[in-house]
Amino acid sequence: DLYHCQIVEGDLIRNLEAQFPHLGHVQIAGVPERHEPD
């Protein structure tokens, strides 16, 4: 969940790349209010 990852540690593209071999599902939301992704 990119929303959770941004709040905890950021660096989303690098975290996504590192986690990619282990991905089973992805989720999105705007940060910080958890509204629309835009």
ModelCIF file with pLDDT and N, C-alpha, C, O atoms, coordinates in Angstrom:
data_MODEL
#
_entry.id   MODEL 
#
_entity.id                         1 
_entity.type                       polymer 
_entity.pdbx_number_of_molecules   1 
#
_entity_poly.entity_id                      1 
_entity_poly.type                           'polypeptide(L)' 
_entity_poly.nstd_linkage                   no 
_entity_poly.nstd_monomer                   no 
_entity_poly.pdbx_seq_one_letter_code       DLYHCQIVEGDLIRNLEAQFPHLGHVQIAGVPERHEPD 
_entity_poly.pdbx_seq_one_letter_code_can   DLYHCQIVEGDLIRNLEAQFPHLGHVQIAGVPERHEPD 
_entity_poly.pdbx_strand_id                 A 
#
loop_
_entity_poly_seq.entity_id 
_entity_poly_seq.num 
_entity_poly_seq.mon_id 
_entity_poly_seq.hetero 
1 1  ASP n 
1 2  LEU n 
1 3  TYR n 
1 4  HIS n 
1 5  CYS n 
1 6  GLN n 
1 7  ILE n 
1 8  VAL n 
1 9  GLU n 
1 10 GLY n 
1 11 ASP n 
1 12 LEU n 
1 13 ILE n 
1 14 ARG n 
1 15 ASN n 
1 16 LEU n 
1 17 GLU n 
1 18 ALA n 
1 19 GLN n 
1 20 PHE n 
1 21 PRO n 
1 22 HIS n 
1 23 LEU n 
1 24 GLY n 
1 25 HIS n 
1 26 VAL n 
1 27 GLN n 
1 28 ILE n 
1 29 ALA n 
1 30 GLY n 
1 31 VAL n 
1 32 PRO n 
1 33 GLU n 
1 34 ARG n 
1 35 HIS n 
1 36 GLU n 
1 37 PRO n 
1 38 ASP n 
#
_struct_asym.id          A 
_struct_asym.entity_id   1 
#
loop_
_ma_qa_metric.id 
_ma_qa_metric.mode 
_ma_qa_metric.name 
_ma_qa_metric.software_group_id 
_ma_qa_metric.type 
1 global pLDDT . pLDDT 
2 local  pLDDT . pLDDT 
#
_ma_qa_metric_global.metric_id      1 
_ma_qa_metric_global.metric_value   97.82 
_ma_qa_metric_global.model_id       1 
_ma_qa_metric_global.ordinal_id     1 
#
loop_
_ma_qa_metric_local.label_asym_id 
_ma_qa_metric_local.label_comp_id 
_ma_qa_metric_local.label_seq_id 
_ma_qa_metric_local.metric_id 
_ma_qa_metric_local.metric_value 
_ma_qa_metric_local.model_id 
_ma_qa_metric_local.ordinal_id 
A ASP 1  2 98.00 1 1  
A LEU 2  2 98.00 1 2  
A TYR 3  2 98.00 1 3  
A HIS 4  2 98.00 1 4  
A CYS 5  2 98.00 1 5  
A GLN 6  2 98.00 1 6  
A ILE 7  2 98.00 1 7  
A VAL 8  2 98.00 1 8  
A GLU 9  2 97.00 1 9  
A GLY 10 2 97.00 1 10 
A ASP 11 2 97.00 1 11 
A LEU 12 2 98.00 1 12 
A ILE 13 2 98.00 1 13 
A ARG 14 2 98.00 1 14 
A ASN 15 2 98.00 1 15 
A LEU 16 2 97.00 1 16 
A GLU 17 2 98.00 1 17 
A ALA 18 2 97.00 1 18 
A GLN 19 2 98.00 1 19 
A PHE 20 2 98.00 1 20 
A PRO 21 2 97.00 1 21 
A HIS 22 2 98.00 1 22 
A LEU 23 2 98.00 1 23 
A GLY 24 2 98.00 1 24 
A HIS 25 2 98.00 1 25 
A VAL 26 2 98.00 1 26 
A GLN 27 2 98.00 1 27 
A ILE 28 2 98.00 1 28 
A ALA 29 2 98.00 1 29 
A GLY 30 2 98.00 1 30 
A VAL 31 2 98.00 1 31 
A PRO 32 2 98.00 1 32 
A GLU 33 2 98.00 1 33 
A ARG 34 2 98.00 1 34 
A HIS 35 2 98.00 1 35 
A GLU 36 2 98.00 1 36 
A PRO 37 2 98.00 1 37 
A ASP 38 2 97.00 1 38 
#
loop_
_atom_site.group_PDB 
_atom_site.id 
_atom_site.type_symbol 
_atom_site.label_atom_id 
_atom_site.label_alt_id 
_atom_site.label_comp_id 
_atom_site.label_asym_id 
_atom_site.label_entity_id 
_atom_site.label_seq_id 
_atom_site.pdbx_PDB_ins_code 
_atom_site.Cartn_x 
_atom_site.Cartn_y 
_atom_site.Cartn_z 
_atom_site.occupancy 
_atom_site.B_iso_or_equiv 
_atom_site.pdbx_formal_charge 
_atom_site.auth_seq_id 
_atom_site.auth_comp_id 
_atom_site.auth_asym_id 
_atom_site.auth_atom_id 
_atom_site.pdbx_PDB_model_num 
ATOM 1   N N  . ASP A 1 1  ? 0.857  -1.178  0.000  1.00 98.00 ? 1  ASP A N  1 
ATOM 2   C CA . ASP A 1 1  ? 0.000  0.000   0.000  1.00 98.00 ? 1  ASP A CA 1 
ATOM 3   C C  . ASP A 1 1  ? 0.897  1.232   0.000  1.00 98.00 ? 1  ASP A C  1 
ATOM 4   O O  . ASP A 1 1  ? 1.589  1.508   0.980  1.00 98.00 ? 1  ASP A O  1 
ATOM 5   N N  . LEU A 1 2  ? 0.878  1.971   -1.109 1.00 98.00 ? 2  LEU A N  1 
ATOM 6   C CA . LEU A 1 2  ? 1.762  3.123   -1.258 1.00 98.00 ? 2  LEU A CA 1 
ATOM 7   C C  . LEU A 1 2  ? 1.433  4.224   -0.264 1.00 98.00 ? 2  LEU A C  1 
ATOM 8   O O  . LEU A 1 2  ? 2.317  4.986   0.127  1.00 98.00 ? 2  LEU A O  1 
ATOM 9   N N  . TYR A 1 3  ? 0.189  4.318   0.146  1.00 98.00 ? 3  TYR A N  1 
ATOM 10  C CA . TYR A 1 3  ? -0.210 5.279   1.179  1.00 98.00 ? 3  TYR A CA 1 
ATOM 11  C C  . TYR A 1 3  ? 0.509  4.987   2.485  1.00 98.00 ? 3  TYR A C  1 
ATOM 12  O O  . TYR A 1 3  ? 1.119  5.882   3.070  1.00 98.00 ? 3  TYR A O  1 
ATOM 13  N N  . HIS A 1 4  ? 0.443  3.756   2.945  1.00 98.00 ? 4  HIS A N  1 
ATOM 14  C CA . HIS A 1 4  ? 1.122  3.395   4.192  1.00 98.00 ? 4  HIS A CA 1 
ATOM 15  C C  . HIS A 1 4  ? 2.633  3.565   4.072  1.00 98.00 ? 4  HIS A C  1 
ATOM 16  O O  . HIS A 1 4  ? 3.284  4.055   4.995  1.00 98.00 ? 4  HIS A O  1 
ATOM 17  N N  . CYS A 1 5  ? 3.181  3.164   2.944  1.00 98.00 ? 5  CYS A N  1 
ATOM 18  C CA . CYS A 1 5  ? 4.634  3.244   2.763  1.00 98.00 ? 5  CYS A CA 1 
ATOM 19  C C  . CYS A 1 5  ? 5.108  4.695   2.788  1.00 98.00 ? 5  CYS A C  1 
ATOM 20  O O  . CYS A 1 5  ? 6.155  4.985   3.368  1.00 98.00 ? 5  CYS A O  1 
ATOM 21  N N  . GLN A 1 6  ? 4.366  5.604   2.177  1.00 98.00 ? 6  GLN A N  1 
ATOM 22  C CA . GLN A 1 6  ? 4.758  7.007   2.185  1.00 98.00 ? 6  GLN A CA 1 
ATOM 23  C C  . GLN A 1 6  ? 4.798  7.553   3.608  1.00 98.00 ? 6  GLN A C  1 
ATOM 24  O O  . GLN A 1 6  ? 5.720  8.290   3.959  1.00 98.00 ? 6  GLN A O  1 
ATOM 25  N N  . ILE A 1 7  ? 3.828  7.208   4.417  1.00 98.00 ? 7  ILE A N  1 
ATOM 26  C CA . ILE A 1 7  ? 3.762  7.711   5.783  1.00 98.00 ? 7  ILE A CA 1 
ATOM 27  C C  . ILE A 1 7  ? 4.898  7.151   6.636  1.00 98.00 ? 7  ILE A C  1 
ATOM 28  O O  . ILE A 1 7  ? 5.465  7.870   7.459  1.00 98.00 ? 7  ILE A O  1 
ATOM 29  N N  . VAL A 1 8  ? 5.231  5.884   6.449  1.00 98.00 ? 8  VAL A N  1 
ATOM 30  C CA . VAL A 1 8  ? 6.239  5.242   7.297  1.00 98.00 ? 8  VAL A CA 1 
ATOM 31  C C  . VAL A 1 8  ? 7.650  5.548   6.841  1.00 98.00 ? 8  VAL A C  1 
ATOM 32  O O  . VAL A 1 8  ? 8.516  5.845   7.664  1.00 98.00 ? 8  VAL A O  1 
ATOM 33  N N  . GLU A 1 9  ? 7.899  5.479   5.525  1.00 97.00 ? 9  GLU A N  1 
ATOM 34  C CA . GLU A 1 9  ? 9.290  5.560   5.085  1.00 97.00 ? 9  GLU A CA 1 
ATOM 35  C C  . GLU A 1 9  ? 9.539  6.334   3.805  1.00 97.00 ? 9  GLU A C  1 
ATOM 36  O O  . GLU A 1 9  ? 10.693 6.654   3.517  1.00 97.00 ? 9  GLU A O  1 
ATOM 37  N N  . GLY A 1 10 ? 8.516  6.651   3.023  1.00 97.00 ? 10 GLY A N  1 
ATOM 38  C CA . GLY A 1 10 ? 8.734  7.421   1.808  1.00 97.00 ? 10 GLY A CA 1 
ATOM 39  C C  . GLY A 1 10 ? 9.565  6.673   0.780  1.00 97.00 ? 10 GLY A C  1 
ATOM 40  O O  . GLY A 1 10 ? 9.561  5.443   0.736  1.00 97.00 ? 10 GLY A O  1 
ATOM 41  N N  . ASP A 1 11 ? 10.297 7.449   -0.066 1.00 97.00 ? 11 ASP A N  1 
ATOM 42  C CA . ASP A 1 11 ? 11.170 6.879   -1.099 1.00 97.00 ? 11 ASP A CA 1 
ATOM 43  C C  . ASP A 1 11 ? 10.413 5.805   -1.877 1.00 97.00 ? 11 ASP A C  1 
ATOM 44  O O  . ASP A 1 11 ? 10.877 4.671   -1.997 1.00 97.00 ? 11 ASP A O  1 
ATOM 45  N N  . LEU A 1 12 ? 9.247  6.172   -2.401 1.00 98.00 ? 12 LEU A N  1 
ATOM 46  C CA . LEU A 1 12 ? 8.288  5.190   -2.886 1.00 98.00 ? 12 LEU A CA 1 
ATOM 47  C C  . LEU A 1 12 ? 8.776  4.396   -4.088 1.00 98.00 ? 12 LEU A C  1 
ATOM 48  O O  . LEU A 1 12 ? 8.585  3.181   -4.133 1.00 98.00 ? 12 LEU A O  1 
ATOM 49  N N  . ILE A 1 13 ? 9.393  5.040   -5.052 1.00 98.00 ? 13 ILE A N  1 
ATOM 50  C CA . ILE A 1 13 ? 9.822  4.295   -6.237 1.00 98.00 ? 13 ILE A CA 1 
ATOM 51  C C  . ILE A 1 13 ? 10.899 3.290   -5.873 1.00 98.00 ? 13 ILE A C  1 
ATOM 52  O O  . ILE A 1 13 ? 10.857 2.152   -6.342 1.00 98.00 ? 13 ILE A O  1 
ATOM 53  N N  . ARG A 1 14 ? 11.855 3.675   -5.058 1.00 98.00 ? 14 ARG A N  1 
ATOM 54  C CA . ARG A 1 14 ? 12.904 2.728   -4.664 1.00 98.00 ? 14 ARG A CA 1 
ATOM 55  C C  . ARG A 1 14 ? 12.328 1.599   -3.808 1.00 98.00 ? 14 ARG A C  1 
ATOM 56  O O  . ARG A 1 14 ? 12.726 0.444   -3.964 1.00 98.00 ? 14 ARG A O  1 
ATOM 57  N N  . ASN A 1 15 ? 11.410 1.915   -2.919 1.00 98.00 ? 15 ASN A N  1 
ATOM 58  C CA . ASN A 1 15 ? 10.771 0.866   -2.132 1.00 98.00 ? 15 ASN A CA 1 
ATOM 59  C C  . ASN A 1 15 ? 9.954  -0.064  -3.025 1.00 98.00 ? 15 ASN A C  1 
ATOM 60  O O  . ASN A 1 15 ? 9.935  -1.277  -2.817 1.00 98.00 ? 15 ASN A O  1 
ATOM 61  N N  . LEU A 1 16 ? 9.288  0.505   -4.007 1.00 97.00 ? 16 LEU A N  1 
ATOM 62  C CA . LEU A 1 16 ? 8.508  -0.307  -4.940 1.00 97.00 ? 16 LEU A CA 1 
ATOM 63  C C  . LEU A 1 16 ? 9.413  -1.238  -5.737 1.00 97.00 ? 16 LEU A C  1 
ATOM 64  O O  . LEU A 1 16 ? 9.084  -2.407  -5.935 1.00 97.00 ? 16 LEU A O  1 
ATOM 65  N N  . GLU A 1 17 ? 10.531 -0.733  -6.187 1.00 98.00 ? 17 GLU A N  1 
ATOM 66  C CA . GLU A 1 17 ? 11.466 -1.556  -6.951 1.00 98.00 ? 17 GLU A CA 1 
ATOM 67  C C  . GLU A 1 17 ? 12.026 -2.687  -6.101 1.00 98.00 ? 17 GLU A C  1 
ATOM 68  O O  . GLU A 1 17 ? 12.143 -3.822  -6.563 1.00 98.00 ? 17 GLU A O  1 
ATOM 69  N N  . ALA A 1 18 ? 12.374 -2.370  -4.841 1.00 97.00 ? 18 ALA A N  1 
ATOM 70  C CA . ALA A 1 18 ? 12.917 -3.402  -3.956 1.00 97.00 ? 18 ALA A CA 1 
ATOM 71  C C  . ALA A 1 18 ? 11.878 -4.474  -3.640 1.00 97.00 ? 18 ALA A C  1 
ATOM 72  O O  . ALA A 1 18 ? 12.221 -5.646  -3.487 1.00 97.00 ? 18 ALA A O  1 
ATOM 73  N N  . GLN A 1 19 ? 10.617 -4.079  -3.540 1.00 98.00 ? 19 GLN A N  1 
ATOM 74  C CA . GLN A 1 19 ? 9.564  -5.016  -3.163 1.00 98.00 ? 19 GLN A CA 1 
ATOM 75  C C  . GLN A 1 19 ? 8.967  -5.743  -4.355 1.00 98.00 ? 19 GLN A C  1 
ATOM 76  O O  . GLN A 1 19 ? 8.228  -6.713  -4.187 1.00 98.00 ? 19 GLN A O  1 
ATOM 77  N N  . PHE A 1 20 ? 9.281  -5.282  -5.558 1.00 98.00 ? 20 PHE A N  1 
ATOM 78  C CA . PHE A 1 20 ? 8.587  -5.796  -6.732 1.00 98.00 ? 20 PHE A CA 1 
ATOM 79  C C  . PHE A 1 20 ? 8.626  -7.322  -6.859 1.00 98.00 ? 20 PHE A C  1 
ATOM 80  O O  . PHE A 1 20 ? 7.597  -7.917  -7.178 1.00 98.00 ? 20 PHE A O  1 
ATOM 81  N N  . PRO A 1 21 ? 9.765  -7.981  -6.623 1.00 97.00 ? 21 PRO A N  1 
ATOM 82  C CA . PRO A 1 21 ? 9.761  -9.450  -6.768 1.00 97.00 ? 21 PRO A CA 1 
ATOM 83  C C  . PRO A 1 21 ? 8.819  -10.159 -5.799 1.00 97.00 ? 21 PRO A C  1 
ATOM 84  O O  . PRO A 1 21 ? 8.525  -11.342 -5.968 1.00 97.00 ? 21 PRO A O  1 
ATOM 85  N N  . HIS A 1 22 ? 8.348  -9.439  -4.790 1.00 98.00 ? 22 HIS A N  1 
ATOM 86  C CA . HIS A 1 22 ? 7.523  -10.049 -3.753 1.00 98.00 ? 22 HIS A CA 1 
ATOM 87  C C  . HIS A 1 22 ? 6.084  -9.551  -3.777 1.00 98.00 ? 22 HIS A C  1 
ATOM 88  O O  . HIS A 1 22 ? 5.295  -9.901  -2.899 1.00 98.00 ? 22 HIS A O  1 
ATOM 89  N N  . LEU A 1 23 ? 5.734  -8.738  -4.773 1.00 98.00 ? 23 LEU A N  1 
ATOM 90  C CA . LEU A 1 23 ? 4.409  -8.122  -4.800 1.00 98.00 ? 23 LEU A CA 1 
ATOM 91  C C  . LEU A 1 23 ? 3.304  -9.129  -5.084 1.00 98.00 ? 23 LEU A C  1 
ATOM 92  O O  . LEU A 1 23 ? 3.419  -9.972  -5.973 1.00 98.00 ? 23 LEU A O  1 
ATOM 93  N N  . GLY A 1 24 ? 2.229  -9.021  -4.306 1.00 98.00 ? 24 GLY A N  1 
ATOM 94  C CA . GLY A 1 24 ? 1.031  -9.779  -4.600 1.00 98.00 ? 24 GLY A CA 1 
ATOM 95  C C  . GLY A 1 24 ? -0.161 -8.896  -4.895 1.00 98.00 ? 24 GLY A C  1 
ATOM 96  O O  . GLY A 1 24 ? -1.137 -9.331  -5.505 1.00 98.00 ? 24 GLY A O  1 
ATOM 97  N N  . HIS A 1 25 ? -0.072 -7.636  -4.454 1.00 98.00 ? 25 HIS A N  1 
ATOM 98  C CA . HIS A 1 25 ? -1.175 -6.699  -4.647 1.00 98.00 ? 25 HIS A CA 1 
ATOM 99  C C  . HIS A 1 25 ? -0.659 -5.305  -4.322 1.00 98.00 ? 25 HIS A C  1 
ATOM 100 O O  . HIS A 1 25 ? 0.282  -5.151  -3.543 1.00 98.00 ? 25 HIS A O  1 
ATOM 101 N N  . VAL A 1 26 ? -1.278 -4.288  -4.923 1.00 98.00 ? 26 VAL A N  1 
ATOM 102 C CA . VAL A 1 26 ? -0.894 -2.895  -4.699 1.00 98.00 ? 26 VAL A CA 1 
ATOM 103 C C  . VAL A 1 26 ? -2.154 -2.097  -4.378 1.00 98.00 ? 26 VAL A C  1 
ATOM 104 O O  . VAL A 1 26 ? -3.221 -2.343  -4.940 1.00 98.00 ? 26 VAL A O  1 
ATOM 105 N N  . GLN A 1 27 ? -2.009 -1.134  -3.462 1.00 98.00 ? 27 GLN A N  1 
ATOM 106 C CA . GLN A 1 27 ? -3.112 -0.239  -3.137 1.00 98.00 ? 27 GLN A CA 1 
ATOM 107 C C  . GLN A 1 27 ? -2.622 1.207   -3.118 1.00 98.00 ? 27 GLN A C  1 
ATOM 108 O O  . GLN A 1 27 ? -1.441 1.475   -2.899 1.00 98.00 ? 27 GLN A O  1 
ATOM 109 N N  . ILE A 1 28 ? -3.557 2.138   -3.354 1.00 98.00 ? 28 ILE A N  1 
ATOM 110 C CA . ILE A 1 28 ? -3.197 3.545   -3.450 1.00 98.00 ? 28 ILE A CA 1 
ATOM 111 C C  . ILE A 1 28 ? -4.217 4.416   -2.727 1.00 98.00 ? 28 ILE A C  1 
ATOM 112 O O  . ILE A 1 28 ? -5.380 4.048   -2.568 1.00 98.00 ? 28 ILE A O  1 
ATOM 113 N N  . ALA A 1 29 ? -3.744 5.583   -2.293 1.00 98.00 ? 29 ALA A N  1 
ATOM 114 C CA . ALA A 1 29 ? -4.585 6.628   -1.721 1.00 98.00 ? 29 ALA A CA 1 
ATOM 115 C C  . ALA A 1 29 ? -3.738 7.878   -1.596 1.00 98.00 ? 29 ALA A C  1 
ATOM 116 O O  . ALA A 1 29 ? -2.513 7.801   -1.501 1.00 98.00 ? 29 ALA A O  1 
ATOM 117 N N  . GLY A 1 30 ? -4.396 9.038   -1.597 1.00 98.00 ? 30 GLY A N  1 
ATOM 118 C CA . GLY A 1 30 ? -3.685 10.283  -1.396 1.00 98.00 ? 30 GLY A CA 1 
ATOM 119 C C  . GLY A 1 30 ? -3.143 10.401  0.019  1.00 98.00 ? 30 GLY A C  1 
ATOM 120 O O  . GLY A 1 30 ? -3.719 9.862   0.964  1.00 98.00 ? 30 GLY A O  1 
ATOM 121 N N  . VAL A 1 31 ? -2.036 11.106  0.154  1.00 98.00 ? 31 VAL A N  1 
ATOM 122 C CA . VAL A 1 31 ? -1.386 11.324  1.451  1.00 98.00 ? 31 VAL A CA 1 
ATOM 123 C C  . VAL A 1 31 ? -1.336 12.830  1.687  1.00 98.00 ? 31 VAL A C  1 
ATOM 124 O O  . VAL A 1 31 ? -0.953 13.566  0.778  1.00 98.00 ? 31 VAL A O  1 
ATOM 125 N N  . PRO A 1 32 ? -1.711 13.326  2.888  1.00 98.00 ? 32 PRO A N  1 
ATOM 126 C CA . PRO A 1 32 ? -1.918 12.567  4.122  1.00 98.00 ? 32 PRO A CA 1 
ATOM 127 C C  . PRO A 1 32 ? -3.369 12.223  4.457  1.00 98.00 ? 32 PRO A C  1 
ATOM 128 O O  . PRO A 1 32 ? -3.597 11.469  5.403  1.00 98.00 ? 32 PRO A O  1 
ATOM 129 N N  . GLU A 1 33 ? -4.351 12.738  3.732  1.00 98.00 ? 33 GLU A N  1 
ATOM 130 C CA . GLU A 1 33 ? -5.744 12.627  4.176  1.00 98.00 ? 33 GLU A CA 1 
ATOM 131 C C  . GLU A 1 33 ? -6.442 11.347  3.734  1.00 98.00 ? 33 GLU A C  1 
ATOM 132 O O  . GLU A 1 33 ? -7.582 11.098  4.128  1.00 98.00 ? 33 GLU A O  1 
ATOM 133 N N  . ARG A 1 34 ? -5.789 10.547  2.936  1.00 98.00 ? 34 ARG A N  1 
ATOM 134 C CA . ARG A 1 34 ? -6.349 9.298   2.397  1.00 98.00 ? 34 ARG A CA 1 
ATOM 135 C C  . ARG A 1 34 ? -7.576 9.548   1.523  1.00 98.00 ? 34 ARG A C  1 
ATOM 136 O O  . ARG A 1 34 ? -8.534 8.776   1.526  1.00 98.00 ? 34 ARG A O  1 
ATOM 137 N N  . HIS A 1 35 ? -7.515 10.655  0.772  1.00 98.00 ? 35 HIS A N  1 
ATOM 138 C CA . HIS A 1 35 ? -8.549 10.938  -0.210 1.00 98.00 ? 35 HIS A CA 1 
ATOM 139 C C  . HIS A 1 35 ? -8.079 10.446  -1.587 1.00 98.00 ? 35 HIS A C  1 
ATOM 140 O O  . HIS A 1 35 ? -7.214 9.574   -1.674 1.00 98.00 ? 35 HIS A O  1 
ATOM 141 N N  . GLU A 1 36 ? -8.648 11.005  -2.655 1.00 98.00 ? 36 GLU A N  1 
ATOM 142 C CA . GLU A 1 36 ? -8.311 10.589  -4.014 1.00 98.00 ? 36 GLU A CA 1 
ATOM 143 C C  . GLU A 1 36 ? -6.807 10.670  -4.265 1.00 98.00 ? 36 GLU A C  1 
ATOM 144 O O  . GLU A 1 36 ? -6.131 11.529  -3.700 1.00 98.00 ? 36 GLU A O  1 
ATOM 145 N N  . PRO A 1 37 ? -6.281 9.787   -5.104 1.00 98.00 ? 37 PRO A N  1 
ATOM 146 C CA . PRO A 1 37 ? -4.833 9.760   -5.352 1.00 98.00 ? 37 PRO A CA 1 
ATOM 147 C C  . PRO A 1 37 ? -4.273 11.026  -5.997 1.00 98.00 ? 37 PRO A C  1 
ATOM 148 O O  . PRO A 1 37 ? -3.063 11.244  -5.957 1.00 98.00 ? 37 PRO A O  1 
ATOM 149 N N  . ASP A 1 38 ? -5.117 11.859  -6.585 1.00 97.00 ? 38 ASP A N  1 
ATOM 150 C CA . ASP A 1 38 ? -4.604 13.108  -7.152 1.00 97.00 ? 38 ASP A CA 1 
ATOM 151 C C  . ASP A 1 38 ? -4.616 14.253  -6.142 1.00 97.00 ? 38 ASP A C  1 
ATOM 152 O O  . ASP A 1 38 ? -4.214 15.369  -6.470 1.00 97.00 ? 38 ASP A O  1 
#
